[in-house]
């Protein structure tokens, strides 16, 4: 398992569009992707779970990836978050 902590910079937080973009991108990987925020584990491949987590701008999140392509999944997830997830 690999992980990294990053800060969400999207002005409106992880709402429907960035949550869908993130989940779709993570769906390409075989590894499990988990977002840890506020003591909760959230499935990083589920847009509904990501939106329900209520992750706001400036929130530090830990991204955990576990599986055959975990490093590639983590690198992609971190790049997405740091680039604003398309916003």
PDB file of N, CA and C in Angstrom:
ATOM      1  N   UNK A   1       0.832  -1.179   0.000  1.00  0.00           N
ATOM      2  CA  UNK A   1       0.000   0.000   0.000  1.00  0.00           C
ATOM      3  C   UNK A   1       0.876   1.242   0.000  1.00  0.00           C
ATOM      4  N   UNK A   2       0.455   2.236  -0.766  1.00  0.00           N
ATOM      5  CA  UNK A   2       1.144   3.519  -0.814  1.00  0.00           C
ATOM      6  C   UNK A   2       0.123   4.604  -0.473  1.00  0.00           C
ATOM      7  N   UNK A   3       0.609   5.703   0.076  1.00  0.00           N
ATOM      8  CA  UNK A   3      -0.316   6.796   0.400  1.00  0.00           C
ATOM      9  C   UNK A   3       0.413   8.128   0.364  1.00  0.00           C
ATOM     10  N   UNK A   4      -0.385   9.171   0.255  1.00  0.00           N
ATOM     11  CA  UNK A   4       0.157  10.520   0.284  1.00  0.00           C
ATOM     12  C   UNK A   4      -0.948  11.468   0.744  1.00  0.00           C
ATOM     13  N   UNK A   5      -0.570  12.470   1.497  1.00  0.00           N
ATOM     14  CA  UNK A   5      -1.520  13.482   1.955  1.00  0.00           C
ATOM     15  C   UNK A   5      -1.388  14.710   1.073  1.00  0.00           C
ATOM     16  N   UNK A   6      -2.532  15.188   0.590  1.00  0.00           N
ATOM     17  CA  UNK A   6      -2.578  16.373  -0.259  1.00  0.00           C
ATOM     18  C   UNK A   6      -3.728  17.258   0.217  1.00  0.00           C
ATOM     19  N   UNK A   7      -3.746  18.480  -0.259  1.00  0.00           N
ATOM     20  CA  UNK A   7      -4.795  19.428   0.110  1.00  0.00           C
ATOM     21  C   UNK A   7      -5.678  19.695  -1.099  1.00  0.00           C
ATOM     22  N   UNK A   8      -6.986  19.589  -0.885  1.00  0.00           N
ATOM     23  CA  UNK A   8      -7.951  19.858  -1.951  1.00  0.00           C
ATOM     24  C   UNK A   8      -8.021  21.360  -2.174  1.00  0.00           C
ATOM     25  N   UNK A   9      -7.850  21.798  -3.431  1.00  0.00           N
ATOM     26  CA  UNK A   9      -7.815  23.232  -3.721  1.00  0.00           C
ATOM     27  C   UNK A   9      -9.029  23.718  -4.505  1.00  0.00           C
ATOM     28  N   UNK A  10      -9.937  22.832  -4.838  1.00  0.00           N
ATOM     29  CA  UNK A  10     -11.116  23.244  -5.593  1.00  0.00           C
ATOM     30  C   UNK A  10     -11.924  24.238  -4.758  1.00  0.00           C
ATOM     31  N   UNK A  11     -12.250  25.421  -5.308  1.00  0.00           N
ATOM     32  CA  UNK A  11     -12.943  26.453  -4.532  1.00  0.00           C
ATOM     33  C   UNK A  11     -14.270  25.978  -3.932  1.00  0.00           C
ATOM     34  N   UNK A  12     -14.978  25.126  -4.632  1.00  0.00           N
ATOM     35  CA  UNK A  12     -16.276  24.662  -4.139  1.00  0.00           C
ATOM     36  C   UNK A  12     -16.201  23.259  -3.553  1.00  0.00           C
ATOM     37  N   UNK A  13     -15.012  22.791  -3.292  1.00  0.00           N
ATOM     38  CA  UNK A  13     -14.862  21.464  -2.701  1.00  0.00           C
ATOM     39  C   UNK A  13     -15.085  20.361  -3.710  1.00  0.00           C
ATOM     40  N   UNK A  14     -15.257  19.170  -3.209  1.00  0.00           N
ATOM     41  CA  UNK A  14     -15.395  17.996  -4.075  1.00  0.00           C
ATOM     42  C   UNK A  14     -16.880  17.764  -4.372  1.00  0.00           C
ATOM     43  N   UNK A  15     -17.428  18.608  -5.251  1.00  0.00           N
ATOM     44  CA  UNK A  15     -18.835  18.481  -5.635  1.00  0.00           C
ATOM     45  C   UNK A  15     -18.965  17.478  -6.782  1.00  0.00           C
ATOM     46  N   UNK A  16     -20.126  17.432  -7.405  1.00  0.00           N
ATOM     47  CA  UNK A  16     -20.453  16.371  -8.353  1.00  0.00           C
ATOM     48  C   UNK A  16     -19.442  16.224  -9.500  1.00  0.00           C
ATOM     49  N   UNK A  17     -19.108  17.309 -10.174  1.00  0.00           N
ATOM     50  CA  UNK A  17     -18.238  17.191 -11.356  1.00  0.00           C
ATOM     51  C   UNK A  17     -16.833  16.689 -10.994  1.00  0.00           C
ATOM     52  N   UNK A  18     -16.119  17.318 -10.063  1.00  0.00           N
ATOM     53  CA  UNK A  18     -14.787  16.792  -9.756  1.00  0.00           C
ATOM     54  C   UNK A  18     -14.836  15.409  -9.109  1.00  0.00           C
ATOM     55  N   UNK A  19     -15.882  15.128  -8.343  1.00  0.00           N
ATOM     56  CA  UNK A  19     -15.990  13.788  -7.747  1.00  0.00           C
ATOM     57  C   UNK A  19     -16.142  12.738  -8.844  1.00  0.00           C
ATOM     58  N   UNK A  20     -16.955  13.051  -9.860  1.00  0.00           N
ATOM     59  CA  UNK A  20     -17.137  12.128 -10.976  1.00  0.00           C
ATOM     60  C   UNK A  20     -15.865  11.959 -11.784  1.00  0.00           C
ATOM     61  N   UNK A  21     -15.167  13.068 -12.009  1.00  0.00           N
ATOM     62  CA  UNK A  21     -13.909  13.012 -12.762  1.00  0.00           C
ATOM     63  C   UNK A  21     -12.885  12.167 -12.015  1.00  0.00           C
ATOM     64  N   UNK A  22     -12.776  12.396 -10.707  1.00  0.00           N
ATOM     65  CA  UNK A  22     -11.806  11.655  -9.902  1.00  0.00           C
ATOM     66  C   UNK A  22     -12.148  10.167  -9.885  1.00  0.00           C
ATOM     67  N   UNK A  23     -13.409   9.842  -9.625  1.00  0.00           N
ATOM     68  CA  UNK A  23     -13.822   8.441  -9.547  1.00  0.00           C
ATOM     69  C   UNK A  23     -13.622   7.731 -10.886  1.00  0.00           C
ATOM     70  N   UNK A  24     -13.947   8.417 -11.960  1.00  0.00           N
ATOM     71  CA  UNK A  24     -13.769   7.832 -13.291  1.00  0.00           C
ATOM     72  C   UNK A  24     -12.298   7.550 -13.577  1.00  0.00           C
ATOM     73  N   UNK A  25     -11.439   8.488 -13.231  1.00  0.00           N
ATOM     74  CA  UNK A  25      -9.998   8.294 -13.454  1.00  0.00           C
ATOM     75  C   UNK A  25      -9.466   7.133 -12.610  1.00  0.00           C
ATOM     76  N   UNK A  26      -9.944   7.019 -11.385  1.00  0.00           N
ATOM     77  CA  UNK A  26      -9.466   5.949 -10.507  1.00  0.00           C
ATOM     78  C   UNK A  26     -10.026   4.585 -10.925  1.00  0.00           C
ATOM     79  N   UNK A  27     -11.171   4.589 -11.613  1.00  0.00           N
ATOM     80  CA  UNK A  27     -11.769   3.347 -12.077  1.00  0.00           C
ATOM     81  C   UNK A  27     -10.922   2.616 -13.099  1.00  0.00           C
ATOM     82  N   UNK A  28      -9.970   3.307 -13.695  1.00  0.00           N
ATOM     83  CA  UNK A  28      -9.087   2.694 -14.694  1.00  0.00           C
ATOM     84  C   UNK A  28      -8.039   1.798 -14.051  1.00  0.00           C
ATOM     85  N   UNK A  29      -7.870   1.909 -12.759  1.00  0.00           N
ATOM     86  CA  UNK A  29      -6.828   1.152 -12.062  1.00  0.00           C
ATOM     87  C   UNK A  29      -7.421  -0.059 -11.355  1.00  0.00           C
ATOM     88  N   UNK A  30      -6.624  -1.104 -11.266  1.00  0.00           N
ATOM     89  CA  UNK A  30      -7.060  -2.318 -10.574  1.00  0.00           C
ATOM     90  C   UNK A  30      -7.007  -2.147  -9.055  1.00  0.00           C
ATOM     91  N   UNK A  31      -6.165  -1.260  -8.600  1.00  0.00           N
ATOM     92  CA  UNK A  31      -5.964  -1.068  -7.160  1.00  0.00           C
ATOM     93  C   UNK A  31      -7.190  -0.447  -6.490  1.00  0.00           C
ATOM     94  N   UNK A  32      -7.347  -0.727  -5.211  1.00  0.00           N
ATOM     95  CA  UNK A  32      -8.343  -0.032  -4.402  1.00  0.00           C
ATOM     96  C   UNK A  32      -7.819   1.364  -4.107  1.00  0.00           C
ATOM     97  N   UNK A  33      -8.694   2.346  -4.193  1.00  0.00           N
ATOM     98  CA  UNK A  33      -8.324   3.729  -3.919  1.00  0.00           C
ATOM     99  C   UNK A  33      -9.235   4.226  -2.790  1.00  0.00           C
ATOM    100  N   UNK A  34      -8.607   4.678  -1.718  1.00  0.00           N
ATOM    101  CA  UNK A  34      -9.356   5.145  -0.556  1.00  0.00           C
ATOM    102  C   UNK A  34      -8.920   6.568  -0.211  1.00  0.00           C
ATOM    103  N   UNK A  35      -9.913   7.402   0.063  1.00  0.00           N
ATOM    104  CA  UNK A  35      -9.646   8.758   0.532  1.00  0.00           C
ATOM    105  C   UNK A  35      -9.945   8.773   2.028  1.00  0.00           C
ATOM    106  N   UNK A  36      -8.987   9.222   2.811  1.00  0.00           N
ATOM    107  CA  UNK A  36      -9.185   9.314   4.250  1.00  0.00           C
ATOM    108  C   UNK A  36      -9.312  10.793   4.609  1.00  0.00           C
ATOM    109  N   UNK A  37     -10.468  11.126   5.195  1.00  0.00           N
ATOM    110  CA  UNK A  37     -10.713  12.515   5.598  1.00  0.00           C
ATOM    111  C   UNK A  37     -11.592  12.522   6.832  1.00  0.00           C
ATOM    112  N   UNK A  38     -11.244  13.321   7.785  1.00  0.00           N
ATOM    113  CA  UNK A  38     -12.031  13.435   9.006  1.00  0.00           C
ATOM    114  C   UNK A  38     -12.213  12.112   9.730  1.00  0.00           C
ATOM    115  N   UNK A  39     -11.224  11.232   9.642  1.00  0.00           N
ATOM    116  CA  UNK A  39     -11.307   9.941  10.315  1.00  0.00           C
ATOM    117  C   UNK A  39     -12.162   8.913   9.595  1.00  0.00           C
ATOM    118  N   UNK A  40     -12.658   9.258   8.392  1.00  0.00           N
ATOM    119  CA  UNK A  40     -13.487   8.341   7.622  1.00  0.00           C
ATOM    120  C   UNK A  40     -12.729   7.855   6.395  1.00  0.00           C
ATOM    121  N   UNK A  41     -12.958   6.586   6.034  1.00  0.00           N
ATOM    122  CA  UNK A  41     -12.438   6.030   4.789  1.00  0.00           C
ATOM    123  C   UNK A  41     -13.539   6.117   3.745  1.00  0.00           C
ATOM    124  N   UNK A  42     -13.200   6.671   2.587  1.00  0.00           N
ATOM    125  CA  UNK A  42     -14.162   6.856   1.508  1.00  0.00           C
ATOM    126  C   UNK A  42     -13.638   6.158   0.265  1.00  0.00           C
ATOM    127  N   UNK A  43     -14.520   5.419  -0.410  1.00  0.00           N
ATOM    128  CA  UNK A  43     -14.152   4.731  -1.645  1.00  0.00           C
ATOM    129  C   UNK A  43     -13.859   5.772  -2.726  1.00  0.00           C
ATOM    130  N   UNK A  44     -12.629   5.818  -3.188  1.00  0.00           N
ATOM    131  CA  UNK A  44     -12.213   6.789  -4.196  1.00  0.00           C
ATOM    132  C   UNK A  44     -12.715   6.492  -5.588  1.00  0.00           C
ATOM    133  N   UNK A  45     -13.366   5.359  -5.771  1.00  0.00           N
ATOM    134  CA  UNK A  45     -13.924   5.015  -7.085  1.00  0.00           C
ATOM    135  C   UNK A  45     -15.431   5.245  -7.135  1.00  0.00           C
ATOM    136  N   UNK A  46     -16.002   5.786  -6.074  1.00  0.00           N
ATOM    137  CA  UNK A  46     -17.448   6.023  -6.019  1.00  0.00           C
ATOM    138  C   UNK A  46     -17.729   7.521  -5.962  1.00  0.00           C
ATOM    139  N   UNK A  47     -18.286   8.105  -7.034  1.00  0.00           N
ATOM    140  CA  UNK A  47     -18.579   9.540  -6.993  1.00  0.00           C
ATOM    141  C   UNK A  47     -19.580   9.890  -5.903  1.00  0.00           C
ATOM    142  N   UNK A  48     -20.545   9.039  -5.659  1.00  0.00           N
ATOM    143  CA  UNK A  48     -21.529   9.321  -4.614  1.00  0.00           C
ATOM    144  C   UNK A  48     -20.878   9.351  -3.230  1.00  0.00           C
ATOM    145  N   UNK A  49     -19.987   8.401  -2.972  1.00  0.00           N
ATOM    146  CA  UNK A  49     -19.298   8.359  -1.686  1.00  0.00           C
ATOM    147  C   UNK A  49     -18.403   9.588  -1.512  1.00  0.00           C
ATOM    148  N   UNK A  50     -17.760   9.999  -2.593  1.00  0.00           N
ATOM    149  CA  UNK A  50     -16.885  11.174  -2.527  1.00  0.00           C
ATOM    150  C   UNK A  50     -17.704  12.432  -2.232  1.00  0.00           C
ATOM    151  N   UNK A  51     -18.841  12.588  -2.898  1.00  0.00           N
ATOM    152  CA  UNK A  51     -19.676  13.763  -2.653  1.00  0.00           C
ATOM    153  C   UNK A  51     -20.236  13.739  -1.233  1.00  0.00           C
ATOM    154  N   UNK A  52     -20.654  12.565  -0.790  1.00  0.00           N
ATOM    155  CA  UNK A  52     -21.244  12.436   0.549  1.00  0.00           C
ATOM    156  C   UNK A  52     -20.242  12.750   1.652  1.00  0.00           C
ATOM    157  N   UNK A  53     -18.960  12.630   1.352  1.00  0.00           N
ATOM    158  CA  UNK A  53     -17.938  12.908   2.360  1.00  0.00           C
ATOM    159  C   UNK A  53     -17.855  14.392   2.683  1.00  0.00           C
ATOM    160  N   UNK A  54     -18.370  15.246   1.802  1.00  0.00           N
ATOM    161  CA  UNK A  54     -18.397  16.681   2.070  1.00  0.00           C
ATOM    162  C   UNK A  54     -17.010  17.290   2.216  1.00  0.00           C
ATOM    163  N   UNK A  55     -16.127  16.959   1.311  1.00  0.00           N
ATOM    164  CA  UNK A  55     -14.743  17.433   1.385  1.00  0.00           C
ATOM    165  C   UNK A  55     -14.675  18.851   0.815  1.00  0.00           C
ATOM    166  N   UNK A  56     -14.340  19.799   1.659  1.00  0.00           N
ATOM    167  CA  UNK A  56     -14.306  21.201   1.255  1.00  0.00           C
ATOM    168  C   UNK A  56     -12.925  21.668   0.842  1.00  0.00           C
ATOM    169  N   UNK A  57     -12.898  22.864   0.255  1.00  0.00           N
ATOM    170  CA  UNK A  57     -11.648  23.479  -0.161  1.00  0.00           C
ATOM    171  C   UNK A  57     -10.723  23.651   1.043  1.00  0.00           C
ATOM    172  N   UNK A  58      -9.472  23.324   0.866  1.00  0.00           N
ATOM    173  CA  UNK A  58      -8.480  23.470   1.924  1.00  0.00           C
ATOM    174  C   UNK A  58      -8.375  22.264   2.837  1.00  0.00           C
ATOM    175  N   UNK A  59      -9.182  21.245   2.594  1.00  0.00           N
ATOM    176  CA  UNK A  59      -9.151  20.039   3.424  1.00  0.00           C
ATOM    177  C   UNK A  59      -7.963  19.155   3.033  1.00  0.00           C
ATOM    178  N   UNK A  60      -7.232  18.713   4.041  1.00  0.00           N
ATOM    179  CA  UNK A  60      -6.162  17.742   3.783  1.00  0.00           C
ATOM    180  C   UNK A  60      -6.788  16.365   3.699  1.00  0.00           C
ATOM    181  N   UNK A  61      -6.445  15.630   2.639  1.00  0.00           N
ATOM    182  CA  UNK A  61      -6.942  14.271   2.465  1.00  0.00           C
ATOM    183  C   UNK A  61      -5.754  13.348   2.271  1.00  0.00           C
ATOM    184  N   UNK A  62      -5.898  12.143   2.770  1.00  0.00           N
ATOM    185  CA  UNK A  62      -4.890  11.121   2.528  1.00  0.00           C
ATOM    186  C   UNK A  62      -5.433  10.190   1.453  1.00  0.00           C
ATOM    187  N   UNK A  63      -4.661   9.987   0.429  1.00  0.00           N
ATOM    188  CA  UNK A  63      -5.044   9.074  -0.645  1.00  0.00           C
ATOM    189  C   UNK A  63      -4.251   7.793  -0.455  1.00  0.00           C
ATOM    190  N   UNK A  64      -4.965   6.675  -0.309  1.00  0.00           N
ATOM    191  CA  UNK A  64      -4.322   5.375  -0.143  1.00  0.00           C
ATOM    192  C   UNK A  64      -4.660   4.512  -1.348  1.00  0.00           C
ATOM    193  N   UNK A  65      -3.661   3.857  -1.901  1.00  0.00           N
ATOM    194  CA  UNK A  65      -3.868   2.949  -3.027  1.00  0.00           C
ATOM    195  C   UNK A  65      -3.232   1.612  -2.677  1.00  0.00           C
ATOM    196  N   UNK A  66      -3.997   0.561  -2.929  1.00  0.00           N
ATOM    197  CA  UNK A  66      -3.536  -0.782  -2.573  1.00  0.00           C
ATOM    198  C   UNK A  66      -3.876  -1.746  -3.707  1.00  0.00           C
ATOM    199  N   UNK A  67      -2.831  -2.334  -4.322  1.00  0.00           N
ATOM    200  CA  UNK A  67      -3.087  -3.288  -5.385  1.00  0.00           C
ATOM    201  C   UNK A  67      -1.929  -3.358  -6.366  1.00  0.00           C
ATOM    202  N   UNK A  68      -2.180  -4.035  -7.464  1.00  0.00           N
ATOM    203  CA  UNK A  68      -1.135  -4.322  -8.440  1.00  0.00           C
ATOM    204  C   UNK A  68      -0.533  -3.066  -9.061  1.00  0.00           C
ATOM    205  N   UNK A  69      -1.345  -2.046  -9.283  1.00  0.00           N
ATOM    206  CA  UNK A  69      -0.856  -0.817  -9.916  1.00  0.00           C
ATOM    207  C   UNK A  69      -0.968   0.375  -8.961  1.00  0.00           C
ATOM    208  N   UNK A  70      -0.693   0.122  -7.693  1.00  0.00           N
ATOM    209  CA  UNK A  70      -0.907   1.138  -6.657  1.00  0.00           C
ATOM    210  C   UNK A  70      -0.106   2.420  -6.860  1.00  0.00           C
ATOM    211  N   UNK A  71       1.140   2.320  -7.276  1.00  0.00           N
ATOM    212  CA  UNK A  71       1.946   3.537  -7.438  1.00  0.00           C
ATOM    213  C   UNK A  71       1.425   4.394  -8.585  1.00  0.00           C
ATOM    214  N   UNK A  72       1.045   3.764  -9.686  1.00  0.00           N
ATOM    215  CA  UNK A  72       0.491   4.517 -10.810  1.00  0.00           C
ATOM    216  C   UNK A  72      -0.830   5.174 -10.411  1.00  0.00           C
ATOM    217  N   UNK A  73      -1.650   4.455  -9.678  1.00  0.00           N
ATOM    218  CA  UNK A  73      -2.927   5.008  -9.222  1.00  0.00           C
ATOM    219  C   UNK A  73      -2.688   6.192  -8.292  1.00  0.00           C
ATOM    220  N   UNK A  74      -1.750   6.067  -7.363  1.00  0.00           N
ATOM    221  CA  UNK A  74      -1.464   7.161  -6.429  1.00  0.00           C
ATOM    222  C   UNK A  74      -0.930   8.374  -7.172  1.00  0.00           C
ATOM    223  N   UNK A  75      -0.001   8.153  -8.093  1.00  0.00           N
ATOM    224  CA  UNK A  75       0.561   9.272  -8.862  1.00  0.00           C
ATOM    225  C   UNK A  75      -0.537  10.000  -9.632  1.00  0.00           C
ATOM    226  N   UNK A  76      -1.436   9.251 -10.250  1.00  0.00           N
ATOM    227  CA  UNK A  76      -2.533   9.850 -11.003  1.00  0.00           C
ATOM    228  C   UNK A  76      -3.475  10.613 -10.079  1.00  0.00           C
ATOM    229  N   UNK A  77      -3.813  10.033  -8.932  1.00  0.00           N
ATOM    230  CA  UNK A  77      -4.720  10.680  -7.984  1.00  0.00           C
ATOM    231  C   UNK A  77      -4.120  11.978  -7.454  1.00  0.00           C
ATOM    232  N   UNK A  78      -2.868  11.940  -7.082  1.00  0.00           N
ATOM    233  CA  UNK A  78      -2.211  13.142  -6.548  1.00  0.00           C
ATOM    234  C   UNK A  78      -2.156  14.233  -7.616  1.00  0.00           C
ATOM    235  N   UNK A  79      -1.823  13.844  -8.837  1.00  0.00           N
ATOM    236  CA  UNK A  79      -1.762  14.827  -9.923  1.00  0.00           C
ATOM    237  C   UNK A  79      -3.133  15.461 -10.168  1.00  0.00           C
ATOM    238  N   UNK A  80      -4.163  14.637 -10.130  1.00  0.00           N
ATOM    239  CA  UNK A  80      -5.521  15.153 -10.321  1.00  0.00           C
ATOM    240  C   UNK A  80      -5.881  16.182  -9.254  1.00  0.00           C
ATOM    241  N   UNK A  81      -5.653  15.836  -8.001  1.00  0.00           N
ATOM    242  CA  UNK A  81      -6.012  16.737  -6.902  1.00  0.00           C
ATOM    243  C   UNK A  81      -5.186  18.022  -6.972  1.00  0.00           C
ATOM    244  N   UNK A  82      -3.897  17.888  -7.199  1.00  0.00           N
ATOM    245  CA  UNK A  82      -3.028  19.067  -7.231  1.00  0.00           C
ATOM    246  C   UNK A  82      -3.323  19.977  -8.431  1.00  0.00           C
ATOM    247  N   UNK A  83      -3.913  19.411  -9.486  1.00  0.00           N
ATOM    248  CA  UNK A  83      -4.236  20.218 -10.672  1.00  0.00           C
ATOM    249  C   UNK A  83      -5.654  20.794 -10.599  1.00  0.00           C
ATOM    250  N   UNK A  84      -6.383  20.498  -9.524  1.00  0.00           N
ATOM    251  CA  UNK A  84      -7.730  21.035  -9.363  1.00  0.00           C
ATOM    252  C   UNK A  84      -8.819  20.167  -9.965  1.00  0.00           C
ATOM    253  N   UNK A  85      -8.501  18.971 -10.345  1.00  0.00           N
ATOM    254  CA  UNK A  85      -9.461  17.991 -10.879  1.00  0.00           C
ATOM    255  C   UNK A  85     -10.296  18.603 -12.006  1.00  0.00           C
ATOM    256  N   UNK A  86      -9.604  19.236 -12.940  1.00  0.00           N
ATOM    257  CA  UNK A  86     -10.276  19.744 -14.130  1.00  0.00           C
ATOM    258  C   UNK A  86     -11.015  21.062 -13.956  1.00  0.00           C
ATOM    259  N   UNK A  87     -10.864  21.706 -12.826  1.00  0.00           N
ATOM    260  CA  UNK A  87     -11.551  23.001 -12.632  1.00  0.00           C
ATOM    261  C   UNK A  87     -10.570  24.157 -12.657  1.00  0.00           C
TER     262      UNK A  87
END
